[in-house]
Amino acid sequence: MQQIPLRLIMDADPKVRTILKMAPGGNLPFMKGEGDVEYICGNCDEVLVSGVTRDQIANIVFVCPVCGLHNDTHDGPSPFQTRA
């Protein structure tokens, strides 16, 4: 399965973006399907979405329940990066 790191962003406006945040005790991934792509946190590599096709997920921000950072499914360069 191909793993694609998501773009990290500082925050997202819930009035214009869909933001998914896991409830305490929730189980990852947020979404699971039959495709061949996994989207992983751009910081800690946690699998946030599994088994989708490359362009199936769009305009969603996932808040990683492991590290707490905002992961954007929109293409483009990250406004910040926490990895060395």
Protein backbone atom coordinates (compact mmCIF):
# COMPACT_ATOMS: atom_id res chain seq x y z
CA MET A 1 0.00 0.00 0.00
CA GLN A 2 1.34 3.44 -0.93
CA GLN A 3 1.73 5.82 2.03
CA ILE A 4 1.31 9.54 1.43
CA PRO A 5 2.26 12.02 4.17
CA LEU A 6 -0.30 14.78 4.55
CA ARG A 7 0.61 18.47 4.50
CA LEU A 8 0.81 20.05 7.96
CA ILE A 9 -1.00 23.34 8.57
CA MET A 10 -1.25 25.57 11.62
CA ASP A 11 -5.04 25.60 11.79
CA ALA A 12 -8.15 25.56 9.62
CA ASP A 13 -11.31 27.64 9.55
CA PRO A 14 -14.27 25.33 10.27
CA LYS A 15 -16.52 27.71 8.31
CA VAL A 16 -14.74 26.87 5.06
CA ARG A 17 -13.08 23.49 5.72
CA THR A 18 -14.21 20.10 6.97
CA ILE A 19 -12.17 19.29 10.08
CA LEU A 20 -12.22 15.77 11.50
CA LYS A 21 -11.07 15.26 15.07
CA MET A 22 -11.17 11.90 16.83
CA ALA A 23 -13.26 11.57 19.97
CA PRO A 24 -11.33 10.36 23.03
CA GLY A 25 -10.92 6.61 22.83
CA GLY A 26 -11.65 6.55 19.10
CA ASN A 27 -9.93 4.08 16.81
CA LEU A 28 -7.81 5.04 13.83
CA PRO A 29 -8.00 5.27 10.91
CA PHE A 30 -10.64 7.96 10.46
CA MET A 31 -11.71 6.25 7.22
CA LYS A 32 -11.04 2.84 5.74
CA GLY A 33 -11.76 1.49 2.28
CA GLU A 34 -10.62 -0.98 -0.36
CA GLY A 35 -8.14 1.21 -2.26
CA ASP A 36 -4.34 1.06 -2.31
CA VAL A 37 -3.39 4.35 -0.59
CA GLU A 38 -2.86 5.31 3.05
CA TYR A 39 -2.68 8.93 4.13
CA ILE A 40 -0.38 9.37 7.11
CA CYS A 41 0.24 12.22 9.55
CA GLY A 42 2.84 14.59 8.15
CA ASN A 43 4.50 14.70 11.57
CA CYS A 44 4.31 11.33 13.34
CA ASP A 45 3.45 8.96 10.43
CA GLU A 46 0.28 7.66 12.12
CA VAL A 47 -2.14 6.20 9.53
CA LEU A 48 -5.13 8.56 9.39
CA VAL A 49 -6.90 7.20 6.28
CA SER A 50 -6.41 3.70 4.86
CA GLY A 51 -7.47 1.89 1.71
CA VAL A 52 -8.58 4.79 -0.47
CA THR A 53 -7.68 5.89 -3.98
CA ARG A 54 -5.23 8.76 -4.39
CA ASP A 55 -7.77 11.53 -5.08
CA GLN A 56 -10.73 10.12 -3.16
CA ILE A 57 -10.17 12.35 -0.11
CA ALA A 58 -10.19 16.13 -0.66
CA ASN A 59 -10.64 19.37 1.27
CA ILE A 60 -10.56 17.64 4.66
CA VAL A 61 -8.32 18.49 7.60
CA PHE A 62 -7.55 15.61 9.98
CA VAL A 63 -6.41 16.43 13.50
CA CYS A 64 -3.99 13.66 14.41
CA PRO A 65 -5.05 12.13 17.73
CA VAL A 66 -1.44 11.07 18.43
CA CYS A 67 0.49 14.35 17.99
CA GLY A 68 -2.40 16.86 17.77
CA LEU A 69 -1.27 18.50 14.52
CA HIS A 70 -3.57 19.50 11.65
CA ASN A 71 -3.09 17.45 8.45
CA ASP A 72 -4.46 18.91 5.22
CA THR A 73 -5.53 16.84 2.22
CA HIS A 74 -5.13 19.86 -0.08
CA ASP A 75 -2.05 19.62 -2.32
CA GLY A 76 0.70 22.15 -1.99
CA PRO A 77 3.71 22.96 0.14
CA SER A 78 3.38 22.83 3.92
CA PRO A 79 3.43 26.23 5.64
CA PHE A 80 5.52 24.61 8.35
CA GLN A 81 7.33 21.36 8.88
CA THR A 82 8.19 19.67 12.18
CA ARG A 83 10.40 16.86 10.87
CA ALA A 84 14.14 17.23 10.78
